[in-house]
Amino acid sequence: MTKEQMDASRDGDVKVVLDFCPDDSLSKAGFAHEVVKCIQELREISELEPTYPVEVYFKSLDDDTSASAKNLKSQEAYIKEAICSPLLDSTLIPEHAVVIAEKTYRNISNCDFEITLTRQTLTFNDKAILDLYSGNAKYANALKVYLLSRDHFNLKTEFLVGINQIKVDCIECLPDVDVVLGEQVFLTVGDYYSQATNKNS
């Protein structure tokens, strides 16, 4: 450390040293704070109610994407609490997701990135759905199409009433099956991501 990087003063036998070197943890926290501000700004631009549930996706536009990824990972808990949902990687956006807003941000803490807001989106455990129909892919796809056609709020209510389980017995030519929330289907991509992360930890 050079003389210019510190300021020391004496008070009797006490020596106080102020370190002005950049702090890595403060830098990561600052970047996370800026990302949260961008998300909140995009919600306001989209005229979303403060309590309207969305899924939030992040895409780094830097040549080296690892820096922003490490910063966000270290601040994962703070970001989740601040935006009331996990911050998801853009590669997890399902094809059937309904995009509400998307915006590119430049030179935010020396990083470029894109934020995408979508409606909460059903996500499927494809293997578990296939197992319901003994590997019949046609039947499995028909079930997914049916569930995606349902109103998200009404479907969520049915799962709550059925204690996280519903019986699907209305698809023509398909056998009746019991669909379990958290096994074959997830109400949000965030729910699916969180369970997968917990299993791998």
N, C-alpha and C. Protein backbone atom coordinates (compact mmCIF):
# COMPACT_ATOMS: atom_id res chain seq x y z
N MET A 1 0.86 -1.19 0.00
CA MET A 1 0.00 0.00 0.00
C MET A 1 0.89 1.24 0.00
N THR A 2 0.62 2.18 -0.89
CA THR A 2 1.42 3.39 -0.96
C THR A 2 0.94 4.41 0.08
N LYS A 3 1.72 5.44 0.27
CA LYS A 3 1.38 6.47 1.24
C LYS A 3 0.08 7.17 0.86
N GLU A 4 -0.14 7.32 -0.43
CA GLU A 4 -1.34 7.99 -0.91
C GLU A 4 -2.61 7.17 -0.65
N GLN A 5 -2.47 5.86 -0.41
CA GLN A 5 -3.62 4.98 -0.22
C GLN A 5 -4.03 4.85 1.25
N MET A 6 -3.32 5.50 2.15
CA MET A 6 -3.71 5.41 3.56
C MET A 6 -3.50 6.74 4.26
N ASP A 7 -4.29 6.91 5.29
CA ASP A 7 -4.18 8.11 6.11
C ASP A 7 -4.06 7.65 7.56
N ALA A 8 -2.90 7.89 8.17
CA ALA A 8 -2.68 7.42 9.54
C ALA A 8 -2.48 8.60 10.48
N SER A 9 -3.07 8.51 11.66
CA SER A 9 -2.89 9.57 12.66
C SER A 9 -2.63 8.93 14.02
N ARG A 10 -1.85 9.62 14.87
CA ARG A 10 -1.50 9.08 16.18
C ARG A 10 -2.28 9.80 17.28
N ASP A 11 -2.73 9.01 18.26
CA ASP A 11 -3.37 9.57 19.45
C ASP A 11 -2.78 8.83 20.64
N GLY A 12 -1.67 9.32 21.14
CA GLY A 12 -0.95 8.60 22.20
C GLY A 12 -0.35 7.34 21.60
N ASP A 13 -0.72 6.19 22.20
CA ASP A 13 -0.23 4.91 21.72
C ASP A 13 -1.15 4.28 20.68
N VAL A 14 -2.23 5.01 20.33
CA VAL A 14 -3.20 4.44 19.39
C VAL A 14 -2.90 4.94 17.99
N LYS A 15 -2.82 4.01 17.09
CA LYS A 15 -2.57 4.36 15.69
C LYS A 15 -3.77 3.95 14.86
N VAL A 16 -4.38 4.92 14.15
CA VAL A 16 -5.55 4.65 13.33
C VAL A 16 -5.14 4.64 11.87
N VAL A 17 -5.47 3.57 11.17
CA VAL A 17 -5.14 3.46 9.76
C VAL A 17 -6.42 3.32 8.96
N LEU A 18 -6.61 4.22 8.03
CA LEU A 18 -7.77 4.16 7.15
C LEU A 18 -7.34 3.60 5.81
N ASP A 19 -7.93 2.47 5.42
CA ASP A 19 -7.56 1.79 4.16
C ASP A 19 -8.52 2.23 3.07
N PHE A 20 -7.97 2.89 2.03
CA PHE A 20 -8.79 3.36 0.94
C PHE A 20 -8.72 2.46 -0.28
N CYS A 21 -8.19 1.26 -0.11
CA CYS A 21 -8.18 0.30 -1.22
C CYS A 21 -9.60 -0.16 -1.52
N PRO A 22 -9.93 -0.40 -2.79
CA PRO A 22 -11.27 -0.87 -3.14
C PRO A 22 -11.61 -2.17 -2.41
N ASP A 23 -12.80 -2.26 -1.82
CA ASP A 23 -13.23 -3.45 -1.11
C ASP A 23 -14.11 -4.29 -2.04
N ASP A 24 -13.72 -5.55 -2.22
CA ASP A 24 -14.42 -6.41 -3.17
C ASP A 24 -15.87 -6.64 -2.77
N SER A 25 -16.11 -6.85 -1.48
CA SER A 25 -17.48 -7.11 -1.03
C SER A 25 -18.37 -5.89 -1.22
N LEU A 26 -17.80 -4.69 -0.97
CA LEU A 26 -18.58 -3.46 -1.18
C LEU A 26 -18.89 -3.27 -2.66
N SER A 27 -17.94 -3.63 -3.50
CA SER A 27 -18.15 -3.52 -4.95
C SER A 27 -19.29 -4.43 -5.41
N LYS A 28 -19.32 -5.66 -4.90
CA LYS A 28 -20.37 -6.60 -5.27
C LYS A 28 -21.73 -6.13 -4.77
N ALA A 29 -21.75 -5.61 -3.53
CA ALA A 29 -23.00 -5.11 -2.97
C ALA A 29 -23.50 -3.90 -3.76
N GLY A 30 -22.57 -3.04 -4.18
CA GLY A 30 -22.94 -1.88 -4.97
C GLY A 30 -23.54 -2.26 -6.31
N PHE A 31 -22.95 -3.26 -6.95
CA PHE A 31 -23.47 -3.72 -8.24
C PHE A 31 -24.87 -4.31 -8.07
N ALA A 32 -25.06 -5.12 -7.03
CA ALA A 32 -26.37 -5.72 -6.77
C ALA A 32 -27.42 -4.64 -6.53
N HIS A 33 -27.03 -3.60 -5.80
CA HIS A 33 -27.94 -2.49 -5.53
C HIS A 33 -28.36 -1.80 -6.83
N GLU A 34 -27.41 -1.60 -7.73
CA GLU A 34 -27.71 -0.96 -9.01
C GLU A 34 -28.65 -1.83 -9.85
N VAL A 35 -28.43 -3.13 -9.83
CA VAL A 35 -29.31 -4.04 -10.58
C VAL A 35 -30.73 -3.99 -10.03
N VAL A 36 -30.86 -3.98 -8.72
CA VAL A 36 -32.18 -3.89 -8.09
C VAL A 36 -32.87 -2.59 -8.50
N LYS A 37 -32.12 -1.47 -8.53
CA LYS A 37 -32.68 -0.19 -8.95
C LYS A 37 -33.19 -0.26 -10.38
N CYS A 38 -32.45 -0.93 -11.25
CA CYS A 38 -32.87 -1.07 -12.65
C CYS A 38 -34.16 -1.89 -12.75
N ILE A 39 -34.27 -2.94 -11.96
CA ILE A 39 -35.47 -3.77 -11.96
C ILE A 39 -36.67 -2.96 -11.49
N GLN A 40 -36.48 -2.22 -10.42
CA GLN A 40 -37.57 -1.40 -9.89
C GLN A 40 -37.98 -0.32 -10.90
N GLU A 41 -37.01 0.24 -11.59
CA GLU A 41 -37.29 1.25 -12.63
C GLU A 41 -38.11 0.63 -13.76
N LEU A 42 -37.73 -0.58 -14.17
CA LEU A 42 -38.43 -1.24 -15.27
C LEU A 42 -39.87 -1.59 -14.87
N ARG A 43 -40.07 -1.95 -13.62
CA ARG A 43 -41.43 -2.21 -13.12
C ARG A 43 -42.27 -0.94 -13.21
N GLU A 44 -41.67 0.19 -12.82
CA GLU A 44 -42.40 1.46 -12.86
C GLU A 44 -42.73 1.85 -14.29
N ILE A 45 -41.76 1.69 -15.20
CA ILE A 45 -41.99 2.02 -16.60
C ILE A 45 -43.13 1.17 -17.17
N SER A 46 -43.20 -0.08 -16.71
CA SER A 46 -44.24 -1.01 -17.19
C SER A 46 -45.57 -0.79 -16.49
N GLU A 47 -45.60 0.16 -15.55
CA GLU A 47 -46.81 0.51 -14.79
C GLU A 47 -47.39 -0.69 -14.05
N LEU A 48 -46.49 -1.47 -13.46
CA LEU A 48 -46.91 -2.63 -12.68
C LEU A 48 -47.20 -2.20 -11.24
N GLU A 49 -48.24 -2.76 -10.67
CA GLU A 49 -48.52 -2.53 -9.26
C GLU A 49 -47.37 -3.10 -8.43
N PRO A 50 -47.07 -2.48 -7.29
CA PRO A 50 -45.95 -2.95 -6.47
C PRO A 50 -46.04 -4.42 -6.08
N THR A 51 -47.28 -4.93 -5.93
CA THR A 51 -47.45 -6.32 -5.51
C THR A 51 -47.67 -7.28 -6.68
N TYR A 52 -47.65 -6.75 -7.92
CA TYR A 52 -47.90 -7.63 -9.07
C TYR A 52 -46.73 -8.60 -9.24
N PRO A 53 -47.01 -9.92 -9.21
CA PRO A 53 -45.91 -10.90 -9.27
C PRO A 53 -45.36 -11.07 -10.68
N VAL A 54 -44.05 -11.00 -10.79
CA VAL A 54 -43.38 -11.22 -12.07
C VAL A 54 -42.16 -12.12 -11.84
N GLU A 55 -41.62 -12.61 -12.93
CA GLU A 55 -40.33 -13.30 -12.88
C GLU A 55 -39.31 -12.40 -13.55
N VAL A 56 -38.13 -12.32 -12.96
CA VAL A 56 -37.11 -11.38 -13.41
C VAL A 56 -35.89 -12.14 -13.91
N TYR A 57 -35.45 -11.78 -15.12
CA TYR A 57 -34.32 -12.47 -15.75
C TYR A 57 -33.19 -11.48 -16.06
N PHE A 58 -31.97 -11.96 -15.90
CA PHE A 58 -30.77 -11.15 -16.12
C PHE A 58 -29.92 -11.78 -17.22
N LYS A 59 -29.43 -10.91 -18.12
CA LYS A 59 -28.54 -11.39 -19.19
C LYS A 59 -27.36 -10.45 -19.28
N SER A 60 -26.16 -10.97 -19.04
CA SER A 60 -24.96 -10.16 -19.16
C SER A 60 -24.64 -9.94 -20.64
N LEU A 61 -24.28 -8.70 -21.00
CA LEU A 61 -23.90 -8.37 -22.37
C LEU A 61 -22.41 -8.09 -22.48
N ASP A 62 -21.67 -8.40 -21.41
CA ASP A 62 -20.23 -8.19 -21.41
C ASP A 62 -19.51 -9.33 -22.12
N ASP A 63 -18.32 -9.03 -22.61
CA ASP A 63 -17.51 -10.09 -23.23
C ASP A 63 -17.20 -11.18 -22.21
N ASP A 64 -16.88 -10.76 -21.00
CA ASP A 64 -16.65 -11.70 -19.90
C ASP A 64 -17.87 -11.66 -18.98
N THR A 65 -18.72 -12.67 -19.07
CA THR A 65 -19.96 -12.69 -18.28
C THR A 65 -19.74 -13.20 -16.86
N SER A 66 -18.55 -13.70 -16.58
CA SER A 66 -18.32 -14.33 -15.27
C SER A 66 -18.30 -13.30 -14.13
N ALA A 67 -17.85 -12.08 -14.41
CA ALA A 67 -17.74 -11.07 -13.36
C ALA A 67 -19.11 -10.74 -12.77
N SER A 68 -20.06 -10.42 -13.63
CA SER A 68 -21.40 -10.07 -13.13
C SER A 68 -22.06 -11.29 -12.49
N ALA A 69 -21.81 -12.47 -13.04
CA ALA A 69 -22.40 -13.69 -12.48
C ALA A 69 -21.91 -13.92 -11.04
N LYS A 70 -20.62 -13.73 -10.80
CA LYS A 70 -20.06 -13.91 -9.45
C LYS A 70 -20.61 -12.85 -8.48
N ASN A 71 -20.71 -11.62 -8.97
CA ASN A 71 -21.24 -10.55 -8.13
C ASN A 71 -22.67 -10.83 -7.70
N LEU A 72 -23.51 -11.25 -8.66
CA LEU A 72 -24.92 -11.51 -8.36
C LEU A 72 -25.08 -12.74 -7.47
N LYS A 73 -24.25 -13.75 -7.69
CA LYS A 73 -24.33 -14.95 -6.87
C LYS A 73 -24.06 -14.64 -5.42
N SER A 74 -23.08 -13.79 -5.18
CA SER A 74 -22.71 -13.46 -3.80
C SER A 74 -23.78 -12.62 -3.10
N GLN A 75 -24.63 -11.96 -3.89
CA GLN A 75 -25.68 -11.09 -3.33
C GLN A 75 -27.07 -11.67 -3.58
N GLU A 76 -27.14 -12.97 -3.79
CA GLU A 76 -28.40 -13.64 -4.17
C GLU A 76 -29.51 -13.41 -3.14
N ALA A 77 -29.19 -13.55 -1.87
CA ALA A 77 -30.21 -13.41 -0.82
C ALA A 77 -30.76 -11.98 -0.77
N TYR A 78 -29.86 -11.00 -0.86
CA TYR A 78 -30.29 -9.60 -0.83
C TYR A 78 -31.21 -9.28 -2.00
N ILE A 79 -30.83 -9.72 -3.19
CA ILE A 79 -31.62 -9.42 -4.39
C ILE A 79 -32.99 -10.08 -4.30
N LYS A 80 -33.03 -11.33 -3.85
CA LYS A 80 -34.31 -12.04 -3.74
C LYS A 80 -35.25 -11.33 -2.78
N GLU A 81 -34.72 -10.85 -1.67
CA GLU A 81 -35.55 -10.14 -0.70
C GLU A 81 -36.02 -8.79 -1.27
N ALA A 82 -35.14 -8.12 -2.01
CA ALA A 82 -35.46 -6.79 -2.52
C ALA A 82 -36.51 -6.83 -3.62
N ILE A 83 -36.48 -7.86 -4.50
CA ILE A 83 -37.42 -7.90 -5.62
C ILE A 83 -38.52 -8.95 -5.42
N CYS A 84 -38.50 -9.61 -4.25
CA CYS A 84 -39.52 -10.61 -3.87
C CYS A 84 -39.58 -11.81 -4.82
N SER A 85 -38.46 -12.14 -5.43
CA SER A 85 -38.34 -13.33 -6.28
C SER A 85 -36.87 -13.51 -6.61
N PRO A 86 -36.49 -14.72 -7.00
CA PRO A 86 -35.08 -14.90 -7.37
C PRO A 86 -34.77 -14.20 -8.69
N LEU A 87 -33.54 -13.76 -8.86
CA LEU A 87 -33.09 -13.21 -10.14
C LEU A 87 -32.59 -14.37 -10.97
N LEU A 88 -33.24 -14.63 -12.10
CA LEU A 88 -32.99 -15.82 -12.89
C LEU A 88 -32.13 -15.50 -14.11
N ASP A 89 -31.35 -16.48 -14.53
CA ASP A 89 -30.56 -16.34 -15.75
C ASP A 89 -31.48 -16.36 -16.96
N SER A 90 -31.18 -15.54 -17.94
CA SER A 90 -32.06 -15.41 -19.11
C SER A 90 -32.20 -16.72 -19.91
N THR A 91 -31.24 -17.63 -19.74
CA THR A 91 -31.34 -18.91 -20.46
C THR A 91 -32.48 -19.77 -19.93
N LEU A 92 -33.05 -19.39 -18.77
CA LEU A 92 -34.13 -20.17 -18.18
C LEU A 92 -35.52 -19.71 -18.64
N ILE A 93 -35.59 -18.66 -19.46
CA ILE A 93 -36.90 -18.16 -19.91
C ILE A 93 -37.56 -19.23 -20.79
N PRO A 94 -38.74 -19.73 -20.40
CA PRO A 94 -39.43 -20.74 -21.21
C PRO A 94 -39.95 -20.14 -22.52
N GLU A 95 -40.11 -20.96 -23.53
CA GLU A 95 -40.63 -20.48 -24.81
C GLU A 95 -42.04 -19.92 -24.67
N HIS A 96 -42.81 -20.46 -23.72
CA HIS A 96 -44.19 -20.03 -23.56
C HIS A 96 -44.35 -18.86 -22.59
N ALA A 97 -43.24 -18.30 -22.12
CA ALA A 97 -43.33 -17.18 -21.18
C ALA A 97 -43.89 -15.94 -21.87
N VAL A 98 -44.70 -15.18 -21.15
CA VAL A 98 -45.26 -13.92 -21.66
C VAL A 98 -44.38 -12.77 -21.15
N VAL A 99 -43.67 -12.13 -22.08
CA VAL A 99 -42.76 -11.04 -21.71
C VAL A 99 -43.55 -9.76 -21.50
N ILE A 100 -43.33 -9.13 -20.34
CA ILE A 100 -43.98 -7.87 -20.01
C ILE A 100 -43.12 -6.69 -20.44
N ALA A 101 -41.82 -6.77 -20.15
CA ALA A 101 -40.91 -5.67 -20.49
C ALA A 101 -39.49 -6.20 -20.60
N GLU A 102 -38.69 -5.46 -21.36
CA GLU A 102 -37.29 -5.84 -21.56
C GLU A 102 -36.50 -4.56 -21.82
N LYS A 103 -35.37 -4.44 -21.16
CA LYS A 103 -34.57 -3.22 -21.35
C LYS A 103 -33.09 -3.53 -21.18
N THR A 104 -32.28 -2.84 -22.00
CA THR A 104 -30.83 -2.98 -21.93
C THR A 104 -30.25 -1.81 -21.13
N TYR A 105 -29.31 -2.13 -20.23
CA TYR A 105 -28.65 -1.12 -19.40
C TYR A 105 -27.16 -1.14 -19.72
N ARG A 106 -26.59 0.07 -19.91
CA ARG A 106 -25.19 0.19 -20.28
C ARG A 106 -24.39 0.88 -19.18
N ASN A 107 -23.16 0.38 -18.99
CA ASN A 107 -22.20 0.98 -18.08
C ASN A 107 -22.76 1.18 -16.67
N ILE A 108 -23.41 0.16 -16.16
CA ILE A 108 -23.87 0.16 -14.78
C ILE A 108 -22.80 -0.55 -13.96
N SER A 109 -22.07 0.19 -13.15
CA SER A 109 -20.91 -0.37 -12.42
C SER A 109 -19.97 -1.09 -13.39
N ASN A 110 -19.75 -0.44 -14.55
CA ASN A 110 -18.86 -0.95 -15.60
C ASN A 110 -19.36 -2.23 -16.25
N CYS A 111 -20.65 -2.50 -16.15
CA CYS A 111 -21.23 -3.70 -16.77
C CYS A 111 -22.40 -3.33 -17.68
N ASP A 112 -22.58 -4.12 -18.72
CA ASP A 112 -23.73 -4.00 -19.60
C ASP A 112 -24.60 -5.24 -19.42
N PHE A 113 -25.91 -5.04 -19.33
CA PHE A 113 -26.79 -6.20 -19.15
C PHE A 113 -28.21 -5.88 -19.61
N GLU A 114 -29.00 -6.92 -19.68
CA GLU A 114 -30.40 -6.81 -20.10
C GLU A 114 -31.29 -7.41 -19.02
N ILE A 115 -32.37 -6.70 -18.67
CA ILE A 115 -33.35 -7.18 -17.70
C ILE A 115 -34.65 -7.49 -18.43
N THR A 116 -35.23 -8.65 -18.15
CA THR A 116 -36.51 -9.05 -18.74
C THR A 116 -37.49 -9.38 -17.64
N LEU A 117 -38.69 -8.84 -17.74
CA LEU A 117 -39.78 -9.17 -16.82
C LEU A 117 -40.82 -10.00 -17.57
N THR A 118 -41.24 -11.10 -16.97
CA THR A 118 -42.30 -11.92 -17.56
C THR A 118 -43.37 -12.20 -16.51
N ARG A 119 -44.53 -12.62 -16.99
CA ARG A 119 -45.54 -13.11 -16.07
C ARG A 119 -45.02 -14.40 -15.43
N GLN A 120 -45.56 -14.71 -14.25
CA GLN A 120 -45.22 -15.99 -13.63
C GLN A 120 -45.62 -17.12 -14.59
N THR A 121 -44.73 -18.08 -14.76
CA THR A 121 -44.87 -19.06 -15.82
C THR A 121 -44.80 -20.49 -15.29
N LEU A 122 -45.75 -21.32 -15.72
CA LEU A 122 -45.69 -22.74 -15.36
C LEU A 122 -44.41 -23.36 -15.91
N THR A 123 -43.81 -24.21 -15.12
CA THR A 123 -42.61 -24.93 -15.55
C THR A 123 -42.80 -26.41 -15.24
N PHE A 124 -42.29 -27.26 -16.12
CA PHE A 124 -42.55 -28.68 -16.01
C PHE A 124 -41.28 -29.49 -15.78
N ASN A 125 -41.46 -30.57 -15.01
CA ASN A 125 -40.43 -31.60 -14.90
C ASN A 125 -40.78 -32.64 -15.96
N ASP A 126 -40.15 -32.54 -17.12
CA ASP A 126 -40.54 -33.37 -18.27
C ASP A 126 -40.46 -34.86 -17.97
N LYS A 127 -39.41 -35.28 -17.28
CA LYS A 127 -39.26 -36.70 -16.97
C LYS A 127 -40.40 -37.19 -16.08
N ALA A 128 -40.75 -36.38 -15.07
CA ALA A 128 -41.82 -36.77 -14.15
C ALA A 128 -43.16 -36.86 -14.87
N ILE A 129 -43.40 -35.96 -15.84
CA ILE A 129 -44.65 -36.02 -16.61
C ILE A 129 -44.67 -37.23 -17.52
N LEU A 130 -43.54 -37.53 -18.13
CA LEU A 130 -43.45 -38.74 -18.96
C LEU A 130 -43.74 -39.99 -18.14
N ASP A 131 -43.24 -40.01 -16.92
CA ASP A 131 -43.46 -41.17 -16.05
C ASP A 131 -44.94 -41.37 -15.73
N LEU A 132 -45.70 -40.26 -15.70
CA LEU A 132 -47.14 -40.38 -15.44
C LEU A 132 -47.83 -41.24 -16.51
N TYR A 133 -47.30 -41.14 -17.73
CA TYR A 133 -47.90 -41.85 -18.86
C TYR A 133 -47.00 -42.97 -19.39
N SER A 134 -46.18 -43.50 -18.53
CA SER A 134 -45.28 -44.62 -18.88
C SER A 134 -44.45 -44.33 -20.12
N GLY A 135 -43.99 -43.10 -20.24
CA GLY A 135 -43.09 -42.73 -21.33
C GLY A 135 -43.78 -42.29 -22.61
N ASN A 136 -45.10 -42.16 -22.61
CA ASN A 136 -45.82 -41.73 -23.82
C ASN A 136 -45.68 -40.22 -23.99
N ALA A 137 -44.83 -39.81 -24.94
CA ALA A 137 -44.53 -38.39 -25.12
C ALA A 137 -45.74 -37.61 -25.62
N LYS A 138 -46.58 -38.24 -26.43
CA LYS A 138 -47.78 -37.57 -26.95
C LYS A 138 -48.73 -37.21 -25.81
N TYR A 139 -48.92 -38.14 -24.90
CA TYR A 139 -49.79 -37.89 -23.75
C TYR A 139 -49.18 -36.80 -22.85
N ALA A 140 -47.88 -36.90 -22.64
CA ALA A 140 -47.20 -35.92 -21.78
C ALA A 140 -47.34 -34.51 -22.34
N ASN A 141 -47.17 -34.38 -23.66
CA ASN A 141 -47.30 -33.07 -24.29
C ASN A 141 -48.72 -32.54 -24.18
N ALA A 142 -49.71 -33.43 -24.32
CA ALA A 142 -51.12 -33.03 -24.22
C ALA A 142 -51.42 -32.49 -22.82
N LEU A 143 -50.84 -33.10 -21.80
CA LEU A 143 -51.04 -32.62 -20.44
C LEU A 143 -50.45 -31.23 -20.26
N LYS A 144 -49.26 -31.00 -20.80
CA LYS A 144 -48.63 -29.69 -20.68
C LYS A 144 -49.44 -28.62 -21.39
N VAL A 145 -49.95 -28.95 -22.57
CA VAL A 145 -50.78 -28.00 -23.32
C VAL A 145 -52.03 -27.65 -22.52
N TYR A 146 -52.64 -28.67 -21.91
CA TYR A 146 -53.84 -28.44 -21.10
C TYR A 146 -53.54 -27.53 -19.92
N LEU A 147 -52.47 -27.82 -19.19
CA LEU A 147 -52.14 -27.02 -18.01
C LEU A 147 -51.79 -25.57 -18.39
N LEU A 148 -51.11 -25.40 -19.51
CA LEU A 148 -50.76 -24.05 -19.97
C LEU A 148 -51.99 -23.26 -20.41
N SER A 149 -53.04 -23.97 -20.81
CA SER A 149 -54.26 -23.29 -21.24
C SER A 149 -55.09 -22.77 -20.06
N ARG A 150 -54.78 -23.27 -18.87
CA ARG A 150 -55.54 -22.90 -17.69
C ARG A 150 -55.12 -21.51 -17.18
N ASP A 151 -56.07 -20.80 -16.57
CA ASP A 151 -55.75 -19.55 -15.91
C ASP A 151 -54.81 -19.83 -14.74
N HIS A 152 -53.72 -19.08 -14.69
CA HIS A 152 -52.67 -19.34 -13.70
C HIS A 152 -53.19 -19.24 -12.27
N PHE A 153 -53.98 -18.21 -11.99
CA PHE A 153 -54.49 -18.01 -10.63
C PHE A 153 -55.46 -19.14 -10.24
N ASN A 154 -56.36 -19.51 -11.16
CA ASN A 154 -57.31 -20.58 -10.86
C ASN A 154 -56.61 -21.91 -10.63
N LEU A 155 -55.58 -22.17 -11.44
CA LEU A 155 -54.82 -23.41 -11.29
C LEU A 155 -54.11 -23.43 -9.93
N LYS A 156 -53.54 -22.31 -9.56
CA LYS A 156 -52.87 -22.21 -8.26
C LYS A 156 -53.86 -22.48 -7.12
N THR A 157 -55.07 -21.93 -7.25
CA THR A 157 -56.10 -22.15 -6.23
C THR A 157 -56.48 -23.61 -6.13
N GLU A 158 -56.61 -24.28 -7.28
CA GLU A 158 -56.96 -25.71 -7.26
C GLU A 158 -55.89 -26.53 -6.57
N PHE A 159 -54.63 -26.20 -6.80
CA PHE A 159 -53.55 -26.92 -6.13
C PHE A 159 -53.60 -26.69 -4.62
N LEU A 160 -53.92 -25.47 -4.21
CA LEU A 160 -54.01 -25.17 -2.78
C LEU A 160 -55.14 -25.96 -2.13
N VAL A 161 -56.29 -26.00 -2.81
CA VAL A 161 -57.44 -26.74 -2.29
C VAL A 161 -57.14 -28.23 -2.22
N GLY A 162 -56.42 -28.73 -3.22
CA GLY A 162 -56.10 -30.16 -3.27
C GLY A 162 -54.85 -30.53 -2.52
N ILE A 163 -54.37 -29.63 -1.69
CA ILE A 163 -53.12 -29.85 -0.93
C ILE A 163 -51.99 -30.24 -1.88
N ASN A 164 -51.74 -29.32 -2.83
CA ASN A 164 -50.65 -29.45 -3.80
C ASN A 164 -50.84 -30.59 -4.80
N GLN A 165 -52.07 -31.00 -5.01
CA GLN A 165 -52.32 -32.08 -5.97
C GLN A 165 -53.68 -31.88 -6.63
N ILE A 166 -53.75 -32.13 -7.96
CA ILE A 166 -55.03 -32.09 -8.67
C ILE A 166 -55.15 -33.34 -9.55
N LYS A 167 -56.39 -33.73 -9.81
CA LYS A 167 -56.63 -34.84 -10.71
C LYS A 167 -57.01 -34.29 -12.07
N VAL A 168 -56.34 -34.72 -13.11
CA VAL A 168 -56.66 -34.31 -14.47
C VAL A 168 -57.36 -35.49 -15.15
N ASP A 169 -58.67 -35.33 -15.34
CA ASP A 169 -59.47 -36.42 -15.91
C ASP A 169 -60.37 -35.93 -17.04
N CYS A 170 -59.98 -34.80 -17.64
CA CYS A 170 -60.85 -34.18 -18.65
C CYS A 170 -60.24 -34.13 -20.04
N ILE A 171 -59.06 -34.76 -20.22
CA ILE A 171 -58.42 -34.74 -21.55
C ILE A 171 -58.87 -35.99 -22.31
N GLU A 172 -59.52 -35.77 -23.42
CA GLU A 172 -60.09 -36.88 -24.19
C GLU A 172 -59.01 -37.87 -24.62
N CYS A 173 -59.33 -39.13 -24.45
CA CYS A 173 -58.47 -40.25 -24.88
C CYS A 173 -57.22 -40.42 -24.00
N LEU A 174 -57.10 -39.64 -22.94
CA LEU A 174 -55.96 -39.79 -22.04
C LEU A 174 -56.42 -40.37 -20.71
N PRO A 175 -55.61 -41.24 -20.11
CA PRO A 175 -55.98 -41.78 -18.80
C PRO A 175 -55.94 -40.70 -17.73
N ASP A 176 -56.70 -40.86 -16.66
CA ASP A 176 -56.70 -39.92 -15.55
C ASP A 176 -55.35 -39.98 -14.83
N VAL A 177 -54.86 -38.83 -14.43
CA VAL A 177 -53.59 -38.78 -13.69
C VAL A 177 -53.70 -37.77 -12.55
N ASP A 178 -52.93 -38.01 -11.50
CA ASP A 178 -52.80 -37.06 -10.40
C ASP A 178 -51.52 -36.27 -10.60
N VAL A 179 -51.66 -34.96 -10.71
CA VAL A 179 -50.51 -34.09 -10.93
C VAL A 179 -50.15 -33.42 -9.60
N VAL A 180 -48.90 -33.55 -9.21
CA VAL A 180 -48.44 -33.03 -7.91
C VAL A 180 -47.58 -31.80 -8.12
N LEU A 181 -47.96 -30.73 -7.42
CA LEU A 181 -47.19 -29.49 -7.47
C LEU A 181 -45.83 -29.72 -6.80
N GLY A 182 -44.78 -29.34 -7.51
CA GLY A 182 -43.43 -29.55 -6.98
C GLY A 182 -42.82 -30.86 -7.44
N GLU A 183 -43.60 -31.67 -8.17
CA GLU A 183 -43.06 -32.91 -8.75
C GLU A 183 -43.15 -32.86 -10.27
N GLN A 184 -44.38 -32.81 -10.79
CA GLN A 184 -44.54 -32.74 -12.24
C GLN A 184 -44.61 -31.30 -12.76
N VAL A 185 -45.14 -30.42 -11.94
CA VAL A 185 -45.34 -29.04 -12.38
C VAL A 185 -44.98 -28.06 -11.27
N PHE A 186 -44.53 -26.88 -11.69
CA PHE A 186 -44.17 -25.79 -10.77
C PHE A 186 -44.90 -24.54 -11.25
N LEU A 187 -45.39 -23.75 -10.30
CA LEU A 187 -46.16 -22.56 -10.67
C LEU A 187 -45.29 -21.46 -11.25
N THR A 188 -44.00 -21.47 -10.94
CA THR A 188 -43.08 -20.45 -11.48
C THR A 188 -41.74 -21.09 -11.82
N VAL A 189 -41.01 -20.41 -12.68
CA VAL A 189 -39.65 -20.85 -13.00
C VAL A 189 -38.79 -20.74 -11.74
N GLY A 190 -39.05 -19.71 -10.93
CA GLY A 190 -38.30 -19.53 -9.69
C GLY A 190 -38.46 -20.70 -8.75
N ASP A 191 -39.69 -21.25 -8.65
CA ASP A 191 -39.91 -22.42 -7.79
C ASP A 191 -39.09 -23.61 -8.27
N TYR A 192 -39.11 -23.82 -9.58
CA TYR A 192 -38.36 -24.94 -10.16
C TYR A 192 -36.85 -24.77 -9.93
N TYR A 193 -36.37 -23.54 -10.15
CA TYR A 193 -34.96 -23.24 -9.98
C TYR A 193 -34.53 -23.45 -8.53
N SER A 194 -35.36 -22.98 -7.59
CA SER A 194 -35.03 -23.09 -6.17
C SER A 194 -34.94 -24.56 -5.74
N GLN A 195 -35.89 -25.38 -6.21
CA GLN A 195 -35.84 -26.79 -5.84
C GLN A 195 -34.63 -27.49 -6.43
N ALA A 196 -34.33 -27.17 -7.70
CA ALA A 196 -33.16 -27.78 -8.35
C ALA A 196 -31.88 -27.37 -7.65
N THR A 197 -31.80 -26.10 -7.23
CA THR A 197 -30.61 -25.60 -6.54
C THR A 197 -30.44 -26.29 -5.19
N ASN A 198 -31.54 -26.46 -4.47
CA ASN A 198 -31.47 -27.12 -3.16
C ASN A 198 -31.05 -28.58 -3.27
N LYS A 199 -31.50 -29.25 -4.34
CA LYS A 199 -31.12 -30.65 -4.52
C LYS A 199 -29.63 -30.78 -4.83
N ASN A 200 -29.09 -29.79 -5.54
CA ASN A 200 -27.68 -29.86 -5.95
C ASN A 200 -26.73 -29.35 -4.88
N SER A 201 -27.29 -28.69 -3.84
CA SER A 201 -26.41 -28.13 -2.79
C SER A 201 -26.11 -29.16 -1.72
